PDB file of N, CA and C in Angstrom:
ATOM      1  N   MET A   1      46.756 -90.343 -17.452  1.00  0.00           N
ATOM      2  CA  MET A   1      46.644 -89.680 -18.739  1.00  0.00           C
ATOM      3  C   MET A   1      45.236 -89.139 -18.951  1.00  0.00           C
ATOM      4  N   MET A   2      44.204 -89.949 -18.683  1.00  0.00           N
ATOM      5  CA  MET A   2      42.823 -89.512 -18.868  1.00  0.00           C
ATOM      6  C   MET A   2      42.458 -88.389 -17.903  1.00  0.00           C
ATOM      7  N   VAL A   3      42.974 -88.477 -16.679  1.00  0.00           N
ATOM      8  CA  VAL A   3      42.686 -87.444 -15.688  1.00  0.00           C
ATOM      9  C   VAL A   3      43.279 -86.118 -16.140  1.00  0.00           C
ATOM     10  N   GLU A   4      44.510 -86.148 -16.647  1.00  0.00           N
ATOM     11  CA  GLU A   4      45.155 -84.929 -17.134  1.00  0.00           C
ATOM     12  C   GLU A   4      44.398 -84.349 -18.322  1.00  0.00           C
ATOM     13  N   LEU A   5      43.969 -85.211 -19.210  1.00  0.00           N
ATOM     14  CA  LEU A   5      43.208 -84.773 -20.376  1.00  0.00           C
ATOM     15  C   LEU A   5      41.894 -84.122 -19.944  1.00  0.00           C
ATOM     16  N   GLN A   6      41.219 -84.727 -18.976  1.00  0.00           N
ATOM     17  CA  GLN A   6      39.961 -84.166 -18.473  1.00  0.00           C
ATOM     18  C   GLN A   6      40.203 -82.823 -17.796  1.00  0.00           C
ATOM     19  N   GLN A   7      41.275 -82.716 -17.010  1.00  0.00           N
ATOM     20  CA  GLN A   7      41.602 -81.456 -16.351  1.00  0.00           C
ATOM     21  C   GLN A   7      41.891 -80.376 -17.383  1.00  0.00           C
ATOM     22  N   ASN A   8      42.631 -80.740 -18.427  1.00  0.00           N
ATOM     23  CA  ASN A   8      42.947 -79.794 -19.486  1.00  0.00           C
ATOM     24  C   ASN A   8      41.670 -79.313 -20.175  1.00  0.00           C
ATOM     25  N   ASN A   9      40.783 -80.241 -20.467  1.00  0.00           N
ATOM     26  CA  ASN A   9      39.508 -79.878 -21.089  1.00  0.00           C
ATOM     27  C   ASN A   9      38.678 -78.977 -20.175  1.00  0.00           C
ATOM     28  N   ASP A  10      38.651 -79.296 -18.886  1.00  0.00           N
ATOM     29  CA  ASP A  10      37.917 -78.473 -17.926  1.00  0.00           C
ATOM     30  C   ASP A  10      38.486 -77.060 -17.871  1.00  0.00           C
ATOM     31  N   GLU A  11      39.808 -76.946 -17.856  1.00  0.00           N
ATOM     32  CA  GLU A  11      40.457 -75.636 -17.817  1.00  0.00           C
ATOM     33  C   GLU A  11      40.142 -74.831 -19.074  1.00  0.00           C
ATOM     34  N   ARG A  12      40.187 -75.488 -20.221  1.00  0.00           N
ATOM     35  CA  ARG A  12      39.875 -74.800 -21.478  1.00  0.00           C
ATOM     36  C   ARG A  12      38.420 -74.351 -21.502  1.00  0.00           C
ATOM     37  N   PHE A  13      37.532 -75.224 -21.040  1.00  0.00           N
ATOM     38  CA  PHE A  13      36.114 -74.867 -20.983  1.00  0.00           C
ATOM     39  C   PHE A  13      35.895 -73.674 -20.057  1.00  0.00           C
ATOM     40  N   ASN A  14      36.512 -73.694 -18.878  1.00  0.00           N
ATOM     41  CA  ASN A  14      36.367 -72.590 -17.927  1.00  0.00           C
ATOM     42  C   ASN A  14      36.917 -71.290 -18.496  1.00  0.00           C
ATOM     43  N   ALA A  15      38.036 -71.366 -19.190  1.00  0.00           N
ATOM     44  CA  ALA A  15      38.620 -70.172 -19.804  1.00  0.00           C
ATOM     45  C   ALA A  15      37.695 -69.614 -20.885  1.00  0.00           C
ATOM     46  N   MET A  16      37.134 -70.494 -21.703  1.00  0.00           N
ATOM     47  CA  MET A  16      36.209 -70.046 -22.749  1.00  0.00           C
ATOM     48  C   MET A  16      34.945 -69.453 -22.131  1.00  0.00           C
ATOM     49  N   SER A  17      34.464 -70.064 -21.077  1.00  0.00           N
ATOM     50  CA  SER A  17      33.265 -69.575 -20.403  1.00  0.00           C
ATOM     51  C   SER A  17      33.504 -68.188 -19.817  1.00  0.00           C
ATOM     52  N   GLU A  18      34.650 -67.992 -19.185  1.00  0.00           N
ATOM     53  CA  GLU A  18      34.988 -66.687 -18.613  1.00  0.00           C
ATOM     54  C   GLU A  18      35.132 -65.632 -19.710  1.00  0.00           C
ATOM     55  N   LYS A  19      35.750 -66.004 -20.807  1.00  0.00           N
ATOM     56  CA  LYS A  19      35.903 -65.076 -21.929  1.00  0.00           C
ATOM     57  C   LYS A  19      34.536 -64.677 -22.481  1.00  0.00           C
ATOM     58  N   ASN A  20      33.630 -65.649 -22.585  1.00  0.00           N
ATOM     59  CA  ASN A  20      32.271 -65.369 -23.050  1.00  0.00           C
ATOM     60  C   ASN A  20      31.552 -64.438 -22.077  1.00  0.00           C
ATOM     61  N   ASP A  21      31.689 -64.700 -20.777  1.00  0.00           N
ATOM     62  CA  ASP A  21      31.068 -63.834 -19.775  1.00  0.00           C
ATOM     63  C   ASP A  21      31.603 -62.410 -19.865  1.00  0.00           C
ATOM     64  N   GLU A  22      32.906 -62.258 -20.044  1.00  0.00           N
ATOM     65  CA  GLU A  22      33.499 -60.927 -20.176  1.00  0.00           C
ATOM     66  C   GLU A  22      32.923 -60.187 -21.369  1.00  0.00           C
ATOM     67  N   SER A  23      32.797 -60.886 -22.476  1.00  0.00           N
ATOM     68  CA  SER A  23      32.242 -60.289 -23.687  1.00  0.00           C
ATOM     69  C   SER A  23      30.782 -59.885 -23.478  1.00  0.00           C
ATOM     70  N   GLU A  24      30.007 -60.761 -22.875  1.00  0.00           N
ATOM     71  CA  GLU A  24      28.594 -60.454 -22.613  1.00  0.00           C
ATOM     72  C   GLU A  24      28.454 -59.292 -21.640  1.00  0.00           C
ATOM     73  N   ARG A  25      29.292 -59.258 -20.600  1.00  0.00           N
ATOM     74  CA  ARG A  25      29.245 -58.141 -19.646  1.00  0.00           C
ATOM     75  C   ARG A  25      29.506 -56.825 -20.351  1.00  0.00           C
ATOM     76  N   ALA A  26      30.482 -56.798 -21.239  1.00  0.00           N
ATOM     77  CA  ALA A  26      30.805 -55.570 -21.969  1.00  0.00           C
ATOM     78  C   ALA A  26      29.621 -55.123 -22.827  1.00  0.00           C
ATOM     79  N   LYS A  27      28.993 -56.053 -23.528  1.00  0.00           N
ATOM     80  CA  LYS A  27      27.825 -55.717 -24.359  1.00  0.00           C
ATOM     81  C   LYS A  27      26.674 -55.203 -23.495  1.00  0.00           C
ATOM     82  N   LEU A  28      26.435 -55.891 -22.388  1.00  0.00           N
ATOM     83  CA  LEU A  28      25.332 -55.497 -21.514  1.00  0.00           C
ATOM     84  C   LEU A  28      25.593 -54.150 -20.853  1.00  0.00           C
ATOM     85  N   LYS A  29      26.831 -53.900 -20.432  1.00  0.00           N
ATOM     86  CA  LYS A  29      27.159 -52.602 -19.847  1.00  0.00           C
ATOM     87  C   LYS A  29      26.913 -51.488 -20.851  1.00  0.00           C
ATOM     88  N   ASP A  30      27.242 -51.733 -22.108  1.00  0.00           N
ATOM     89  CA  ASP A  30      27.010 -50.731 -23.141  1.00  0.00           C
ATOM     90  C   ASP A  30      25.514 -50.465 -23.307  1.00  0.00           C
ATOM     91  N   ARG A  31      24.716 -51.514 -23.350  1.00  0.00           N
ATOM     92  CA  ARG A  31      23.259 -51.347 -23.503  1.00  0.00           C
ATOM     93  C   ARG A  31      22.650 -50.671 -22.274  1.00  0.00           C
ATOM     94  N   ILE A  32      23.133 -51.020 -21.094  1.00  0.00           N
ATOM     95  CA  ILE A  32      22.653 -50.378 -19.868  1.00  0.00           C
ATOM     96  C   ILE A  32      23.012 -48.897 -19.895  1.00  0.00           C
ATOM     97  N   ALA A  33      24.233 -48.587 -20.291  1.00  0.00           N
ATOM     98  CA  ALA A  33      24.672 -47.189 -20.353  1.00  0.00           C
ATOM     99  C   ALA A  33      23.846 -46.392 -21.359  1.00  0.00           C
ATOM    100  N   GLN A  34      23.551 -46.982 -22.506  1.00  0.00           N
ATOM    101  CA  GLN A  34      22.720 -46.297 -23.505  1.00  0.00           C
ATOM    102  C   GLN A  34      21.338 -45.986 -22.936  1.00  0.00           C
ATOM    103  N   SER A  35      20.735 -46.971 -22.320  1.00  0.00           N
ATOM    104  CA  SER A  35      19.408 -46.786 -21.737  1.00  0.00           C
ATOM    105  C   SER A  35      19.460 -45.758 -20.614  1.00  0.00           C
ATOM    106  N   TYR A  36      20.485 -45.843 -19.795  1.00  0.00           N
ATOM    107  CA  TYR A  36      20.643 -44.897 -18.687  1.00  0.00           C
ATOM    108  C   TYR A  36      20.752 -43.466 -19.202  1.00  0.00           C
ATOM    109  N   ARG A  37      21.597 -43.243 -20.200  1.00  0.00           N
ATOM    110  CA  ARG A  37      21.774 -41.884 -20.722  1.00  0.00           C
ATOM    111  C   ARG A  37      20.452 -41.302 -21.217  1.00  0.00           C
ATOM    112  N   TYR A  38      19.681 -42.115 -21.919  1.00  0.00           N
ATOM    113  CA  TYR A  38      18.400 -41.644 -22.441  1.00  0.00           C
ATOM    114  C   TYR A  38      17.442 -41.292 -21.302  1.00  0.00           C
ATOM    115  N   HIS A  39      17.261 -42.211 -20.369  1.00  0.00           N
ATOM    116  CA  HIS A  39      16.287 -41.997 -19.296  1.00  0.00           C
ATOM    117  C   HIS A  39      16.787 -40.998 -18.258  1.00  0.00           C
ATOM    118  N   HIS A  40      18.086 -40.896 -18.073  1.00  0.00           N
ATOM    119  CA  HIS A  40      18.650 -39.892 -17.171  1.00  0.00           C
ATOM    120  C   HIS A  40      18.282 -38.496 -17.667  1.00  0.00           C
ATOM    121  N   GLU A  41      18.364 -38.312 -18.964  1.00  0.00           N
ATOM    122  CA  GLU A  41      18.041 -37.011 -19.561  1.00  0.00           C
ATOM    123  C   GLU A  41      16.568 -36.654 -19.354  1.00  0.00           C
ATOM    124  N   HIS A  42      15.689 -37.631 -19.494  1.00  0.00           N
ATOM    125  CA  HIS A  42      14.247 -37.369 -19.408  1.00  0.00           C
ATOM    126  C   HIS A  42      13.672 -37.554 -18.001  1.00  0.00           C
ATOM    127  N   GLN A  43      14.375 -38.296 -17.161  1.00  0.00           N
ATOM    128  CA  GLN A  43      13.951 -38.566 -15.784  1.00  0.00           C
ATOM    129  C   GLN A  43      12.585 -39.251 -15.702  1.00  0.00           C
ATOM    130  N   GLU A  44      12.252 -40.041 -16.726  1.00  0.00           N
ATOM    131  CA  GLU A  44      10.993 -40.775 -16.731  1.00  0.00           C
ATOM    132  C   GLU A  44      11.114 -41.964 -17.661  1.00  0.00           C
ATOM    133  N   TRP A  45      10.209 -42.932 -17.453  1.00  0.00           N
ATOM    134  CA  TRP A  45      10.187 -44.106 -18.310  1.00  0.00           C
ATOM    135  C   TRP A  45       8.875 -44.852 -18.172  1.00  0.00           C
ATOM    136  N   THR A  46       8.636 -45.781 -19.078  1.00  0.00           N
ATOM    137  CA  THR A  46       7.429 -46.605 -19.038  1.00  0.00           C
ATOM    138  C   THR A  46       7.745 -47.910 -18.311  1.00  0.00           C
ATOM    139  N   ARG A  47       6.702 -48.654 -17.994  1.00  0.00           N
ATOM    140  CA  ARG A  47       6.908 -49.967 -17.361  1.00  0.00           C
ATOM    141  C   ARG A  47       7.733 -50.887 -18.260  1.00  0.00           C
ATOM    142  N   MET A  48       7.487 -50.798 -19.561  1.00  0.00           N
ATOM    143  CA  MET A  48       8.237 -51.625 -20.504  1.00  0.00           C
ATOM    144  C   MET A  48       9.726 -51.268 -20.461  1.00  0.00           C
ATOM    145  N   ASP A  49      10.025 -49.962 -20.441  1.00  0.00           N
ATOM    146  CA  ASP A  49      11.420 -49.524 -20.345  1.00  0.00           C
ATOM    147  C   ASP A  49      12.041 -49.995 -19.036  1.00  0.00           C
ATOM    148  N   GLN A  50      11.279 -49.867 -17.959  1.00  0.00           N
ATOM    149  CA  GLN A  50      11.758 -50.274 -16.639  1.00  0.00           C
ATOM    150  C   GLN A  50      12.068 -51.771 -16.609  1.00  0.00           C
ATOM    151  N   GLU A  51      11.155 -52.560 -17.142  1.00  0.00           N
ATOM    152  CA  GLU A  51      11.346 -54.013 -17.157  1.00  0.00           C
ATOM    153  C   GLU A  51      12.565 -54.400 -17.991  1.00  0.00           C
ATOM    154  N   ALA A  52      12.722 -53.762 -19.136  1.00  0.00           N
ATOM    155  CA  ALA A  52      13.868 -54.059 -19.999  1.00  0.00           C
ATOM    156  C   ALA A  52      15.177 -53.688 -19.305  1.00  0.00           C
ATOM    157  N   PHE A  53      15.201 -52.531 -18.650  1.00  0.00           N
ATOM    158  CA  PHE A  53      16.395 -52.060 -17.947  1.00  0.00           C
ATOM    159  C   PHE A  53      16.767 -53.016 -16.815  1.00  0.00           C
ATOM    160  N   ARG A  54      15.772 -53.396 -16.018  1.00  0.00           N
ATOM    161  CA  ARG A  54      16.025 -54.327 -14.908  1.00  0.00           C
ATOM    162  C   ARG A  54      16.488 -55.688 -15.446  1.00  0.00           C
ATOM    163  N   GLY A  55      15.933 -56.098 -16.580  1.00  0.00           N
ATOM    164  CA  GLY A  55      16.354 -57.353 -17.198  1.00  0.00           C
ATOM    165  C   GLY A  55      17.800 -57.311 -17.656  1.00  0.00           C
ATOM    166  N   LEU A  56      18.213 -56.176 -18.218  1.00  0.00           N
ATOM    167  CA  LEU A  56      19.611 -56.023 -18.630  1.00  0.00           C
ATOM    168  C   LEU A  56      20.539 -56.127 -17.428  1.00  0.00           C
ATOM    169  N   ILE A  57      20.148 -55.498 -16.331  1.00  0.00           N
ATOM    170  CA  ILE A  57      20.973 -55.553 -15.118  1.00  0.00           C
ATOM    171  C   ILE A  57      21.037 -56.981 -14.587  1.00  0.00           C
ATOM    172  N   ALA A  58      19.917 -57.686 -14.600  1.00  0.00           N
ATOM    173  CA  ALA A  58      19.905 -59.082 -14.138  1.00  0.00           C
ATOM    174  C   ALA A  58      20.808 -59.946 -15.015  1.00  0.00           C
ATOM    175  N   ASP A  59      20.743 -59.760 -16.327  1.00  0.00           N
ATOM    176  CA  ASP A  59      21.622 -60.510 -17.235  1.00  0.00           C
ATOM    177  C   ASP A  59      23.082 -60.181 -16.963  1.00  0.00           C
ATOM    178  N   TYR A  60      23.365 -58.897 -16.754  1.00  0.00           N
ATOM    179  CA  TYR A  60      24.723 -58.448 -16.440  1.00  0.00           C
ATOM    180  C   TYR A  60      25.233 -59.161 -15.181  1.00  0.00           C
ATOM    181  N   GLU A  61      24.403 -59.230 -14.164  1.00  0.00           N
ATOM    182  CA  GLU A  61      24.784 -59.905 -12.918  1.00  0.00           C
ATOM    183  C   GLU A  61      24.964 -61.404 -13.131  1.00  0.00           C
ATOM    184  N   ASN A  62      24.108 -62.006 -13.949  1.00  0.00           N
ATOM    185  CA  ASN A  62      24.224 -63.443 -14.229  1.00  0.00           C
ATOM    186  C   ASN A  62      25.519 -63.792 -14.949  1.00  0.00           C
ATOM    187  N   HIS A  63      26.107 -62.818 -15.615  1.00  0.00           N
ATOM    188  CA  HIS A  63      27.389 -63.026 -16.294  1.00  0.00           C
ATOM    189  C   HIS A  63      28.556 -62.549 -15.428  1.00  0.00           C
ATOM    190  N   GLY A  64      28.304 -62.353 -14.143  1.00  0.00           N
ATOM    191  CA  GLY A  64      29.376 -62.016 -13.212  1.00  0.00           C
ATOM    192  C   GLY A  64      29.590 -60.531 -13.000  1.00  0.00           C
ATOM    193  N   GLY A  65      28.697 -59.697 -13.512  1.00  0.00           N
ATOM    194  CA  GLY A  65      28.855 -58.254 -13.348  1.00  0.00           C
ATOM    195  C   GLY A  65      28.557 -57.816 -11.927  1.00  0.00           C
ATOM    196  N   GLU A  66      29.471 -57.048 -11.371  1.00  0.00           N
ATOM    197  CA  GLU A  66      29.297 -56.530 -10.019  1.00  0.00           C
ATOM    198  C   GLU A  66      30.194 -55.322  -9.818  1.00  0.00           C
ATOM    199  N   ASN A  67      29.834 -54.500  -8.851  1.00  0.00           N
ATOM    200  CA  ASN A  67      30.659 -53.363  -8.439  1.00  0.00           C
ATOM    201  C   ASN A  67      31.140 -52.492  -9.589  1.00  0.00           C
ATOM    202  N   SER A  68      30.212 -51.971 -10.359  1.00  0.00           N
ATOM    203  CA  SER A  68      30.576 -51.056 -11.436  1.00  0.00           C
ATOM    204  C   SER A  68      29.592 -49.903 -11.433  1.00  0.00           C
ATOM    205  N   PHE A  69      29.731 -49.008 -12.405  1.00  0.00           N
ATOM    206  CA  PHE A  69      28.819 -47.877 -12.514  1.00  0.00           C
ATOM    207  C   PHE A  69      27.367 -48.330 -12.623  1.00  0.00           C
ATOM    208  N   VAL A  70      27.162 -49.550 -13.090  1.00  0.00           N
ATOM    209  CA  VAL A  70      25.801 -50.082 -13.210  1.00  0.00           C
ATOM    210  C   VAL A  70      25.127 -50.086 -11.841  1.00  0.00           C
ATOM    211  N   HIS A  71      25.839 -50.563 -10.821  1.00  0.00           N
ATOM    212  CA  HIS A  71      25.270 -50.657  -9.479  1.00  0.00           C
ATOM    213  C   HIS A  71      25.474 -49.384  -8.663  1.00  0.00           C
ATOM    214  N   GLU A  72      26.504 -48.620  -8.981  1.00  0.00           N
ATOM    215  CA  GLU A  72      26.801 -47.416  -8.210  1.00  0.00           C
ATOM    216  C   GLU A  72      25.988 -46.213  -8.663  1.00  0.00           C
ATOM    217  N   ILE A  73      25.675 -46.129  -9.951  1.00  0.00           N
ATOM    218  CA  ILE A  73      25.014 -44.943 -10.490  1.00  0.00           C
ATOM    219  C   ILE A  73      23.680 -45.278 -11.154  1.00  0.00           C
ATOM    220  N   CYS A  74      23.729 -46.120 -12.167  1.00  0.00           N
ATOM    221  CA  CYS A  74      22.547 -46.368 -13.009  1.00  0.00           C
ATOM    222  C   CYS A  74      21.364 -46.939 -12.236  1.00  0.00           C
ATOM    223  N   GLU A  75      21.597 -48.038 -11.557  1.00  0.00           N
ATOM    224  CA  GLU A  75      20.486 -48.703 -10.868  1.00  0.00           C
ATOM    225  C   GLU A  75      19.879 -47.833  -9.768  1.00  0.00           C
ATOM    226  N   PRO A  76      20.690 -47.256  -8.857  1.00  0.00           N
ATOM    227  CA  PRO A  76      20.075 -46.431  -7.808  1.00  0.00           C
ATOM    228  C   PRO A  76      19.282 -45.246  -8.365  1.00  0.00           C
ATOM    229  N   GLU A  77      19.842 -44.565  -9.359  1.00  0.00           N
ATOM    230  CA  GLU A  77      19.134 -43.403  -9.905  1.00  0.00           C
ATOM    231  C   GLU A  77      17.837 -43.809 -10.592  1.00  0.00           C
ATOM    232  N   SER A  78      17.811 -44.985 -11.187  1.00  0.00           N
ATOM    233  CA  SER A  78      16.613 -45.407 -11.916  1.00  0.00           C
ATOM    234  C   SER A  78      15.382 -45.461 -11.007  1.00  0.00           C
ATOM    235  N   TYR A  79      15.588 -45.654  -9.714  1.00  0.00           N
ATOM    236  CA  TYR A  79      14.460 -45.693  -8.782  1.00  0.00           C
ATOM    237  C   TYR A  79      13.858 -44.311  -8.546  1.00  0.00           C
ATOM    238  N   THR A  80      14.522 -43.264  -8.997  1.00  0.00           N
ATOM    239  CA  THR A  80      14.001 -41.905  -8.831  1.00  0.00           C
ATOM    240  C   THR A  80      13.232 -41.423 -10.060  1.00  0.00           C
ATOM    241  N   TRP A  81      13.297 -42.159 -11.161  1.00  0.00           N
ATOM    242  CA  TRP A  81      12.638 -41.722 -12.392  1.00  0.00           C
ATOM    243  C   TRP A  81      11.132 -41.901 -12.293  1.00  0.00           C
ATOM    244  N   LYS A  82      10.428 -40.954 -12.877  1.00  0.00           N
ATOM    245  CA  LYS A  82       8.965 -40.996 -12.893  1.00  0.00           C
ATOM    246  C   LYS A  82       8.494 -42.138 -13.789  1.00  0.00           C
ATOM    247  N   LEU A  83       7.553 -42.913 -13.282  1.00  0.00           N
ATOM    248  CA  LEU A  83       6.978 -44.010 -14.053  1.00  0.00           C
ATOM    249  C   LEU A  83       5.724 -43.500 -14.750  1.00  0.00           C
ATOM    250  N   LEU A  84       5.750 -43.515 -16.074  1.00  0.00           N
ATOM    251  CA  LEU A  84       4.626 -43.025 -16.867  1.00  0.00           C
ATOM    252  C   LEU A  84       3.547 -44.086 -16.978  1.00  0.00           C
ATOM    253  N   ASN A  85       2.321 -43.653 -17.112  1.00  0.00           N
ATOM    254  CA  ASN A  85       1.223 -44.584 -17.388  1.00  0.00           C
ATOM    255  C   ASN A  85       1.340 -45.040 -18.823  1.00  0.00           C
ATOM    256  N   ASP A  86       1.233 -46.331 -19.045  1.00  0.00           N
ATOM    257  CA  ASP A  86       1.378 -46.870 -20.403  1.00  0.00           C
ATOM    258  C   ASP A  86       0.197 -46.543 -21.266  1.00  0.00           C
TER     259      ASP A  86
END
């Protein structure tokens, strides 16, 4: 009985954790896309912008994000943007 109860709790926790990760990935993808659209248009950014963008991608990956436009388009192109002096 206790083993079944623990398994049930573990399954519920894992389901909630996955749901939370999905929600966070969606929010982060939106923020990455917003930043990408802005910097794609200007083809330049500051170190602060660069650090924030890379941080968003790292957070996205930490929540299970992989194989999306973030890695196929946004991240590779960001390496071509001019880095402005702060």
